[in-house]
Protein backbone atom coordinates (compact mmCIF):
# COMPACT_ATOMS: atom_id res chain seq x y z
CA MET A 1 -4.67 -8.37 11.56
CA ASP A 2 -1.15 -7.67 12.85
CA SER A 3 -0.34 -11.35 12.39
CA PHE A 4 -1.25 -11.01 8.69
CA TYR A 5 1.33 -8.25 8.20
CA GLN A 6 3.96 -10.41 9.89
CA SER A 7 3.24 -13.45 7.72
CA LYS A 8 5.69 -14.75 5.14
CA LYS A 9 2.97 -14.64 2.48
CA TRP A 10 2.41 -10.90 3.05
CA LYS A 11 6.12 -10.07 3.21
CA HIS A 12 6.69 -11.92 -0.07
CA LYS A 13 3.68 -10.25 -1.73
CA ARG A 14 4.75 -6.81 -0.47
CA ARG A 15 8.20 -7.21 -2.03
CA ALA A 16 6.64 -8.41 -5.29
CA ILE A 17 4.26 -5.42 -5.49
CA LEU A 18 7.01 -2.89 -4.72
CA ARG A 19 9.15 -4.50 -7.42
CA ARG A 20 6.19 -4.55 -9.87
CA ASP A 21 5.66 -0.81 -9.32
CA GLY A 22 9.35 0.02 -9.64
CA TYR A 23 9.55 1.12 -5.98
CA ARG A 24 7.68 4.29 -6.99
CA CYS A 25 4.58 5.77 -5.43
CA GLN A 26 1.84 5.12 -7.96
CA ILE A 27 -0.23 8.10 -6.78
CA CYS A 28 2.61 10.60 -7.12
CA LYS A 29 3.44 9.04 -10.49
CA ARG A 30 -0.04 9.99 -11.75
CA PHE A 31 0.89 13.62 -11.13
CA GLY A 32 4.29 13.37 -12.83
CA LYS A 33 6.27 13.24 -9.58
CA TRP A 34 8.82 10.65 -8.57
CA CYS A 35 8.62 9.55 -4.98
CA PRO A 36 9.93 6.33 -3.44
CA ALA A 37 7.25 3.90 -2.30
CA VAL A 38 7.64 2.48 1.20
CA THR A 39 4.18 0.99 1.75
CA VAL A 40 1.90 -1.39 -0.11
CA HIS A 41 -1.69 -0.20 0.26
CA HIS A 42 -4.86 -2.29 0.07
CA ILE A 43 -7.20 -0.40 -2.28
CA LYS A 44 -10.18 -2.21 -0.80
CA GLU A 45 -9.43 -2.39 2.91
CA LEU A 46 -8.23 -5.64 4.39
CA GLU A 47 -10.82 -5.53 7.19
CA ASP A 48 -13.69 -5.29 4.71
CA TYR A 49 -12.33 -7.54 1.96
CA PRO A 50 -10.06 -10.21 3.50
CA GLU A 51 -10.47 -12.33 0.36
CA LEU A 52 -8.52 -9.64 -1.56
CA ALA A 53 -5.64 -9.51 0.93
CA LEU A 54 -3.08 -10.90 -1.52
CA ASP A 55 -4.75 -9.97 -4.82
CA ASP A 56 -2.32 -8.05 -7.05
CA HIS A 57 -5.15 -5.90 -8.43
CA ASN A 58 -6.02 -4.71 -4.92
CA LEU A 59 -2.49 -3.64 -3.99
CA ILE A 60 -0.61 -0.46 -4.86
CA SER A 61 2.78 0.93 -3.86
CA VAL A 62 2.61 4.34 -2.19
CA CYS A 63 4.85 6.78 -0.34
CA GLN A 64 4.23 7.49 3.34
CA SER A 65 2.66 10.88 2.61
CA CYS A 66 0.10 9.44 0.18
CA HIS A 67 -0.63 6.53 2.50
CA ASN A 68 -1.37 8.98 5.32
CA ARG A 69 -3.78 10.87 3.06
CA LEU A 70 -5.51 7.61 2.15
CA HIS A 71 -6.14 6.91 5.86
CA PRO A 72 -7.18 10.16 7.56
CA ASP A 73 -9.46 8.10 9.84
CA LYS A 74 -6.38 6.41 11.31
CA GLY A 75 -4.60 9.64 12.14
CA GLY A 76 -2.81 9.85 8.80
CA ALA A 77 -3.82 13.40 7.90
CA ARG A 78 -2.78 15.94 10.48
CA ARG A 79 -4.32 19.36 10.64
């Protein structure tokens, strides 16, 4: 999976999604906040849906804080 995130296809898609979303976190935007997006998140996880890896409809720009909340199982949410 790490090789996917290093691929030219992913890097190009990531830039395109960040640009599409105006470099804003789309979750914070729903709550009227402006926060810069630094990550492109797979809505349906890459491990479970590899066929959606580069699908625009499965990708969303998020800030680091929101991305951590989306992945508490990976140590994202600290208590």
